[in-house]
């Protein structure tokens, strides 16, 4: 009988820990930002390679894509797509600003359990 009480106590405690873990995991990973698309204006230096390396070093980021959209006399307009499990926008913004760049706009954001791709509707034609 004593063993049964010990087992029940152990199972209750274990179940509570599992529920707590699932709740914490859900809050952190299920509601986190998975993709951000940014329109950025930067000076010619640093290169887009250096900017990509700096952004990709931020925790929670698994990939960065930078495309050069336009080149002016002193600046480059670039499009940055960032993907990861838990993107910290403030840290990304800080890295971009340390490169001497400015975020013009946030052109897209994905968050939640899975990535949802944009779908064309009849109004988009």
Protein backbone atom coordinates (compact mmCIF):
# COMPACT_ATOMS: atom_id res chain seq x y z
CA UNK A 1 0.00 0.00 0.00
CA UNK A 2 2.87 2.38 0.82
CA UNK A 3 4.44 1.74 -2.59
CA UNK A 4 1.16 2.68 -4.26
CA UNK A 5 1.07 6.01 -2.37
CA UNK A 6 4.66 6.75 -3.36
CA UNK A 7 3.87 5.91 -6.98
CA UNK A 8 0.78 8.17 -7.00
CA UNK A 9 2.77 11.03 -5.49
CA UNK A 10 5.54 10.52 -8.06
CA UNK A 11 3.06 10.42 -10.96
CA UNK A 12 1.27 13.60 -9.80
CA UNK A 13 4.55 15.46 -9.51
CA UNK A 14 5.78 14.14 -12.86
CA UNK A 15 2.50 15.01 -14.57
CA UNK A 16 2.63 18.55 -13.18
CA UNK A 17 6.19 18.94 -14.47
CA UNK A 18 5.20 17.66 -17.91
CA UNK A 19 2.24 20.05 -18.09
CA UNK A 20 4.45 22.94 -16.97
CA UNK A 21 7.06 22.01 -19.60
CA UNK A 22 4.43 21.87 -22.37
CA UNK A 23 2.98 25.24 -21.36
CA UNK A 24 6.41 26.90 -21.23
CA UNK A 25 7.42 25.30 -24.55
CA UNK A 26 4.17 26.50 -26.14
CA UNK A 27 4.65 30.06 -24.96
CA UNK A 28 8.24 30.19 -26.16
CA UNK A 29 8.10 28.30 -29.46
CA UNK A 30 4.52 28.24 -30.70
CA UNK A 31 3.94 31.98 -30.45
CA UNK A 32 7.39 33.06 -31.51
CA UNK A 33 8.35 34.82 -34.74
CA UNK A 34 9.51 32.39 -37.44
CA UNK A 35 10.08 34.75 -40.42
CA UNK A 36 10.63 38.48 -40.90
CA UNK A 37 10.97 40.29 -44.23
CA UNK A 38 12.59 43.74 -44.05
CA UNK A 39 13.18 46.60 -46.48
CA UNK A 40 16.49 48.15 -45.44
CA UNK A 41 18.66 51.06 -46.59
CA UNK A 42 22.38 50.64 -45.89
CA UNK A 43 25.64 52.33 -46.85
CA UNK A 44 27.81 50.53 -49.44
CA UNK A 45 30.01 49.28 -46.60
CA UNK A 46 29.61 46.78 -44.96
CA UNK A 47 28.75 44.35 -47.75
CA UNK A 48 25.58 42.31 -47.76
CA UNK A 49 27.75 39.29 -46.89
CA UNK A 50 28.91 40.96 -43.68
CA UNK A 51 25.37 42.06 -42.81
CA UNK A 52 24.06 38.52 -43.36
CA UNK A 53 26.82 37.05 -41.17
CA UNK A 54 26.04 39.49 -38.35
CA UNK A 55 22.29 38.86 -38.47
CA UNK A 56 22.74 35.08 -38.68
CA UNK A 57 24.81 35.13 -35.48
CA UNK A 58 21.76 36.25 -33.44
CA UNK A 59 20.29 33.46 -31.29
CA UNK A 60 17.10 31.91 -32.67
CA UNK A 61 17.97 32.57 -36.32
CA UNK A 62 18.54 29.63 -38.64
CA UNK A 63 18.86 31.44 -41.97
CA UNK A 64 19.24 34.85 -43.64
CA UNK A 65 18.71 35.86 -47.26
CA UNK A 66 19.69 39.33 -48.50
CA UNK A 67 18.91 40.61 -51.99
CA UNK A 68 20.26 43.84 -53.43
CA UNK A 69 17.27 45.75 -54.80
CA UNK A 70 18.77 49.11 -55.83
CA UNK A 71 22.11 50.93 -55.72
CA UNK A 72 22.33 54.72 -55.35
CA UNK A 73 25.37 57.00 -55.13
CA UNK A 74 25.90 56.39 -51.41
CA UNK A 75 23.44 53.66 -50.37
CA UNK A 76 22.10 50.20 -51.17
CA UNK A 77 18.44 49.23 -50.86
CA UNK A 78 18.25 45.62 -49.71
CA UNK A 79 15.55 43.10 -48.88
CA UNK A 80 16.34 40.88 -45.89
CA UNK A 81 14.45 37.65 -45.21
CA UNK A 82 15.18 36.05 -41.84
CA UNK A 83 13.95 32.66 -40.66
CA UNK A 84 14.35 30.90 -37.34
CA UNK A 85 12.68 29.24 -34.41
CA UNK A 86 12.46 32.30 -32.16
CA UNK A 87 13.49 35.57 -33.84
CA UNK A 88 14.14 38.47 -31.47
CA UNK A 89 13.26 41.48 -33.64
CA UNK A 90 14.95 43.97 -31.30
CA UNK A 91 18.26 42.10 -31.51
CA UNK A 92 17.97 41.91 -35.31
CA UNK A 93 17.20 45.64 -35.49
CA UNK A 94 20.20 46.38 -33.28
CA UNK A 95 22.56 44.36 -35.52
CA UNK A 96 21.23 46.12 -38.61
CA UNK A 97 21.65 49.56 -37.03
CA UNK A 98 25.22 48.69 -35.93
CA UNK A 99 25.96 48.20 -39.64
CA UNK A 100 24.87 51.80 -40.25
CA UNK A 101 21.63 50.69 -41.88
CA UNK A 102 18.02 51.76 -41.35
CA UNK A 103 14.90 49.60 -41.54
CA UNK A 104 12.43 51.30 -43.90
CA UNK A 105 9.62 48.83 -43.35
CA UNK A 106 8.64 45.39 -42.11
CA UNK A 107 7.21 43.80 -45.26
CA UNK A 108 6.21 40.45 -43.78
CA UNK A 109 6.06 38.46 -40.54
CA UNK A 110 5.24 34.82 -39.83
CA UNK A 111 4.60 33.48 -36.34
CA UNK A 112 3.00 30.44 -34.74
CA UNK A 113 3.37 26.69 -34.94
CA UNK A 114 4.07 26.54 -38.68
CA UNK A 115 4.94 28.87 -41.53
CA UNK A 116 1.93 30.06 -43.51
CA UNK A 117 2.75 31.05 -47.06
CA UNK A 118 0.98 33.96 -48.71
CA UNK A 119 -1.80 32.83 -51.07
CA UNK A 120 -2.92 34.70 -54.19
CA UNK A 121 -6.61 35.44 -54.29
CA UNK A 122 -8.74 36.54 -57.28
CA UNK A 123 -8.29 40.16 -56.14
CA UNK A 124 -4.51 39.81 -56.62
CA UNK A 125 -4.85 39.25 -60.38
